[in-house]
Amino acid sequence: MDTNLMIGLAVMFGLIGVAASRDLLRRLREQQPQLVPVKVDRPESAAQRRDR
């Protein structure tokens, strides 16, 4: 095969792979539950803040 044809095919397959992975990641992100941060206050850290 011609070298330019091989490079062109590699670029095409690369672009197809990038498009497919972006679509897959977008669909997975929609299914993922939204995480909510939880505030945890430890007694020793509160004591250290009062000492300052």
PDB file of N, CA and C in Angstrom:
ATOM      1  N   MET A   1       0.839  -1.194   0.000  1.00  0.00           N
ATOM      2  CA  MET A   1       0.000   0.000   0.000  1.00  0.00           C
ATOM      3  C   MET A   1       0.873   1.242   0.000  1.00  0.00           C
ATOM      4  N   ASP A   2       0.295   2.303  -0.438  1.00  0.00           N
ATOM      5  CA  ASP A   2       0.992   3.574  -0.486  1.00  0.00           C
ATOM      6  C   ASP A   2       1.123   4.158   0.922  1.00  0.00           C
ATOM      7  N   THR A   3       2.234   4.816   1.209  1.00  0.00           N
ATOM      8  CA  THR A   3       2.485   5.375   2.538  1.00  0.00           C
ATOM      9  C   THR A   3       1.465   6.449   2.886  1.00  0.00           C
ATOM     10  N   ASN A   4       1.145   7.305   1.932  1.00  0.00           N
ATOM     11  CA  ASN A   4       0.161   8.355   2.206  1.00  0.00           C
ATOM     12  C   ASN A   4      -1.212   7.779   2.516  1.00  0.00           C
ATOM     13  N   LEU A   5      -1.569   6.702   1.859  1.00  0.00           N
ATOM     14  CA  LEU A   5      -2.841   6.045   2.129  1.00  0.00           C
ATOM     15  C   LEU A   5      -2.856   5.464   3.537  1.00  0.00           C
ATOM     16  N   MET A   6      -1.759   4.857   3.962  1.00  0.00           N
ATOM     17  CA  MET A   6      -1.674   4.279   5.308  1.00  0.00           C
ATOM     18  C   MET A   6      -1.772   5.373   6.374  1.00  0.00           C
ATOM     19  N   ILE A   7      -1.096   6.485   6.148  1.00  0.00           N
ATOM     20  CA  ILE A   7      -1.171   7.599   7.098  1.00  0.00           C
ATOM     21  C   ILE A   7      -2.592   8.150   7.144  1.00  0.00           C
ATOM     22  N   GLY A   8      -3.215   8.285   5.996  1.00  0.00           N
ATOM     23  CA  GLY A   8      -4.597   8.763   5.945  1.00  0.00           C
ATOM     24  C   GLY A   8      -5.553   7.844   6.678  1.00  0.00           C
ATOM     25  N   LEU A   9      -5.381   6.534   6.505  1.00  0.00           N
ATOM     26  CA  LEU A   9      -6.229   5.579   7.220  1.00  0.00           C
ATOM     27  C   LEU A   9      -6.000   5.655   8.727  1.00  0.00           C
ATOM     28  N   ALA A  10      -4.748   5.810   9.136  1.00  0.00           N
ATOM     29  CA  ALA A  10      -4.450   5.914  10.567  1.00  0.00           C
ATOM     30  C   ALA A  10      -5.096   7.158  11.171  1.00  0.00           C
ATOM     31  N   VAL A  11      -5.040   8.260  10.449  1.00  0.00           N
ATOM     32  CA  VAL A  11      -5.662   9.497  10.933  1.00  0.00           C
ATOM     33  C   VAL A  11      -7.172   9.333  11.014  1.00  0.00           C
ATOM     34  N   MET A  12      -7.761   8.716  10.003  1.00  0.00           N
ATOM     35  CA  MET A  12      -9.213   8.509  10.008  1.00  0.00           C
ATOM     36  C   MET A  12      -9.646   7.633  11.175  1.00  0.00           C
ATOM     37  N   PHE A  13      -8.938   6.519  11.378  1.00  0.00           N
ATOM     38  CA  PHE A  13      -9.288   5.641  12.505  1.00  0.00           C
ATOM     39  C   PHE A  13      -9.069   6.335  13.836  1.00  0.00           C
ATOM     40  N   GLY A  14      -8.051   7.169  13.921  1.00  0.00           N
ATOM     41  CA  GLY A  14      -7.819   7.929  15.144  1.00  0.00           C
ATOM     42  C   GLY A  14      -8.955   8.889  15.431  1.00  0.00           C
ATOM     43  N   LEU A  15      -9.416   9.591  14.403  1.00  0.00           N
ATOM     44  CA  LEU A  15     -10.533  10.524  14.592  1.00  0.00           C
ATOM     45  C   LEU A  15     -11.819   9.799  14.959  1.00  0.00           C
ATOM     46  N   ILE A  16     -12.038   8.658  14.347  1.00  0.00           N
ATOM     47  CA  ILE A  16     -13.233   7.857  14.685  1.00  0.00           C
ATOM     48  C   ILE A  16     -13.145   7.394  16.139  1.00  0.00           C
ATOM     49  N   GLY A  17     -11.961   6.982  16.566  1.00  0.00           N
ATOM     50  CA  GLY A  17     -11.774   6.542  17.955  1.00  0.00           C
ATOM     51  C   GLY A  17     -11.994   7.666  18.945  1.00  0.00           C
ATOM     52  N   VAL A  18     -11.505   8.853  18.636  1.00  0.00           N
ATOM     53  CA  VAL A  18     -11.702  10.003  19.525  1.00  0.00           C
ATOM     54  C   VAL A  18     -13.184  10.351  19.628  1.00  0.00           C
ATOM     55  N   ALA A  19     -13.877  10.367  18.510  1.00  0.00           N
ATOM     56  CA  ALA A  19     -15.306  10.693  18.519  1.00  0.00           C
ATOM     57  C   ALA A  19     -16.100   9.645  19.308  1.00  0.00           C
ATOM     58  N   ALA A  20     -15.755   8.385  19.135  1.00  0.00           N
ATOM     59  CA  ALA A  20     -16.475   7.324  19.842  1.00  0.00           C
ATOM     60  C   ALA A  20     -16.213   7.391  21.347  1.00  0.00           C
ATOM     61  N   SER A  21     -14.988   7.665  21.737  1.00  0.00           N
ATOM     62  CA  SER A  21     -14.677   7.712  23.168  1.00  0.00           C
ATOM     63  C   SER A  21     -15.340   8.919  23.820  1.00  0.00           C
ATOM     64  N   ARG A  22     -15.394  10.067  23.113  1.00  0.00           N
ATOM     65  CA  ARG A  22     -16.078  11.236  23.675  1.00  0.00           C
ATOM     66  C   ARG A  22     -17.562  10.952  23.874  1.00  0.00           C
ATOM     67  N   ASP A  23     -18.179  10.288  22.898  1.00  0.00           N
ATOM     68  CA  ASP A  23     -19.595   9.956  23.003  1.00  0.00           C
ATOM     69  C   ASP A  23     -19.834   8.982  24.158  1.00  0.00           C
ATOM     70  N   LEU A  24     -18.967   7.987  24.280  1.00  0.00           N
ATOM     71  CA  LEU A  24     -19.108   7.007  25.359  1.00  0.00           C
ATOM     72  C   LEU A  24     -18.936   7.658  26.721  1.00  0.00           C
ATOM     73  N   LEU A  25     -17.931   8.517  26.874  1.00  0.00           N
ATOM     74  CA  LEU A  25     -17.719   9.188  28.160  1.00  0.00           C
ATOM     75  C   LEU A  25     -18.879  10.114  28.502  1.00  0.00           C
ATOM     76  N   ARG A  26     -19.454  10.774  27.503  1.00  0.00           N
ATOM     77  CA  ARG A  26     -20.595  11.654  27.757  1.00  0.00           C
ATOM     78  C   ARG A  26     -21.790  10.842  28.260  1.00  0.00           C
ATOM     79  N   ARG A  27     -22.027   9.693  27.657  1.00  0.00           N
ATOM     80  CA  ARG A  27     -23.143   8.851  28.104  1.00  0.00           C
ATOM     81  C   ARG A  27     -22.912   8.300  29.501  1.00  0.00           C
ATOM     82  N   LEU A  28     -21.679   7.914  29.814  1.00  0.00           N
ATOM     83  CA  LEU A  28     -21.380   7.411  31.150  1.00  0.00           C
ATOM     84  C   LEU A  28     -21.520   8.502  32.206  1.00  0.00           C
ATOM     85  N   ARG A  29     -21.140   9.728  31.864  1.00  0.00           N
ATOM     86  CA  ARG A  29     -21.247  10.837  32.817  1.00  0.00           C
ATOM     87  C   ARG A  29     -22.704  11.130  33.150  1.00  0.00           C
ATOM     88  N   GLU A  30     -23.601  10.988  32.182  1.00  0.00           N
ATOM     89  CA  GLU A  30     -25.025  11.232  32.430  1.00  0.00           C
ATOM     90  C   GLU A  30     -25.604  10.182  33.376  1.00  0.00           C
ATOM     91  N   GLN A  31     -25.103   8.960  33.332  1.00  0.00           N
ATOM     92  CA  GLN A  31     -25.623   7.891  34.169  1.00  0.00           C
ATOM     93  C   GLN A  31     -25.048   7.933  35.580  1.00  0.00           C
ATOM     94  N   GLN A  32     -23.925   8.626  35.759  1.00  0.00           N
ATOM     95  CA  GLN A  32     -23.251   8.644  37.050  1.00  0.00           C
ATOM     96  C   GLN A  32     -24.033   9.509  38.032  1.00  0.00           C
ATOM     97  N   PRO A  33     -24.252   9.018  39.258  1.00  0.00           N
ATOM     98  CA  PRO A  33     -24.958   9.851  40.241  1.00  0.00           C
ATOM     99  C   PRO A  33     -24.087  11.039  40.650  1.00  0.00           C
ATOM    100  N   GLN A  34     -24.741  12.162  40.909  1.00  0.00           N
ATOM    101  CA  GLN A  34     -24.010  13.358  41.309  1.00  0.00           C
ATOM    102  C   GLN A  34     -23.567  13.229  42.761  1.00  0.00           C
ATOM    103  N   LEU A  35     -22.295  13.476  43.004  1.00  0.00           N
ATOM    104  CA  LEU A  35     -21.751  13.374  44.347  1.00  0.00           C
ATOM    105  C   LEU A  35     -21.904  14.708  45.079  1.00  0.00           C
ATOM    106  N   VAL A  36     -22.243  14.621  46.343  1.00  0.00           N
ATOM    107  CA  VAL A  36     -22.416  15.816  47.160  1.00  0.00           C
ATOM    108  C   VAL A  36     -21.336  15.804  48.224  1.00  0.00           C
ATOM    109  N   PRO A  37     -20.563  16.883  48.366  1.00  0.00           N
ATOM    110  CA  PRO A  37     -19.524  16.895  49.388  1.00  0.00           C
ATOM    111  C   PRO A  37     -20.127  16.889  50.791  1.00  0.00           C
ATOM    112  N   VAL A  38     -19.479  16.173  51.683  1.00  0.00           N
ATOM    113  CA  VAL A  38     -19.930  16.070  53.060  1.00  0.00           C
ATOM    114  C   VAL A  38     -18.906  16.757  53.939  1.00  0.00           C
ATOM    115  N   LYS A  39     -19.358  17.701  54.768  1.00  0.00           N
ATOM    116  CA  LYS A  39     -18.446  18.424  55.652  1.00  0.00           C
ATOM    117  C   LYS A  39     -18.265  17.619  56.929  1.00  0.00           C
ATOM    118  N   VAL A  40     -17.012  17.328  57.246  1.00  0.00           N
ATOM    119  CA  VAL A  40     -16.690  16.559  58.442  1.00  0.00           C
ATOM    120  C   VAL A  40     -15.851  17.446  59.345  1.00  0.00           C
ATOM    121  N   ASP A  41     -16.292  17.630  60.579  1.00  0.00           N
ATOM    122  CA  ASP A  41     -15.550  18.447  61.532  1.00  0.00           C
ATOM    123  C   ASP A  41     -15.034  17.541  62.639  1.00  0.00           C
ATOM    124  N   ARG A  42     -13.713  17.372  62.675  1.00  0.00           N
ATOM    125  CA  ARG A  42     -13.116  16.509  63.692  1.00  0.00           C
ATOM    126  C   ARG A  42     -12.839  17.333  64.949  1.00  0.00           C
ATOM    127  N   PRO A  43     -13.018  16.767  66.103  1.00  0.00           N
ATOM    128  CA  PRO A  43     -12.806  17.514  67.361  1.00  0.00           C
ATOM    129  C   PRO A  43     -11.367  18.029  67.512  1.00  0.00           C
ATOM    130  N   GLU A  44     -10.354  17.243  67.099  1.00  0.00           N
ATOM    131  CA  GLU A  44      -8.980  17.698  67.278  1.00  0.00           C
ATOM    132  C   GLU A  44      -8.647  18.889  66.385  1.00  0.00           C
ATOM    133  N   SER A  45      -9.249  18.953  65.198  1.00  0.00           N
ATOM    134  CA  SER A  45      -8.978  20.095  64.328  1.00  0.00           C
ATOM    135  C   SER A  45      -9.662  21.347  64.866  1.00  0.00           C
ATOM    136  N   ALA A  46     -10.817  21.189  65.490  1.00  0.00           N
ATOM    137  CA  ALA A  46     -11.495  22.339  66.089  1.00  0.00           C
ATOM    138  C   ALA A  46     -10.699  22.862  67.283  1.00  0.00           C
ATOM    139  N   ALA A  47     -10.097  21.968  68.035  1.00  0.00           N
ATOM    140  CA  ALA A  47      -9.276  22.390  69.181  1.00  0.00           C
ATOM    141  C   ALA A  47      -8.038  23.125  68.702  1.00  0.00           C
ATOM    142  N   GLN A  48      -7.462  22.720  67.620  1.00  0.00           N
ATOM    143  CA  GLN A  48      -6.280  23.392  67.085  1.00  0.00           C
ATOM    144  C   GLN A  48      -6.634  24.794  66.598  1.00  0.00           C
ATOM    145  N   ARG A  49      -7.822  24.962  66.051  1.00  0.00           N
ATOM    146  CA  ARG A  49      -8.230  26.275  65.584  1.00  0.00           C
ATOM    147  C   ARG A  49      -8.460  27.230  66.751  1.00  0.00           C
ATOM    148  N   ARG A  50      -8.958  26.705  67.868  1.00  0.00           N
ATOM    149  CA  ARG A  50      -9.202  27.562  69.039  1.00  0.00           C
ATOM    150  C   ARG A  50      -7.895  27.997  69.676  1.00  0.00           C
ATOM    151  N   ASP A  51      -6.848  27.184  69.557  1.00  0.00           N
ATOM    152  CA  ASP A  51      -5.548  27.510  70.174  1.00  0.00           C
ATOM    153  C   ASP A  51      -4.860  28.665  69.475  1.00  0.00           C
ATOM    154  N   ARG A  52      -5.186  28.953  68.269  1.00  0.00           N
ATOM    155  CA  ARG A  52      -4.496  30.001  67.508  1.00  0.00           C
ATOM    156  C   ARG A  52      -4.809  31.372  68.011  1.00  0.00           C
TER     157      ARG A  52
END
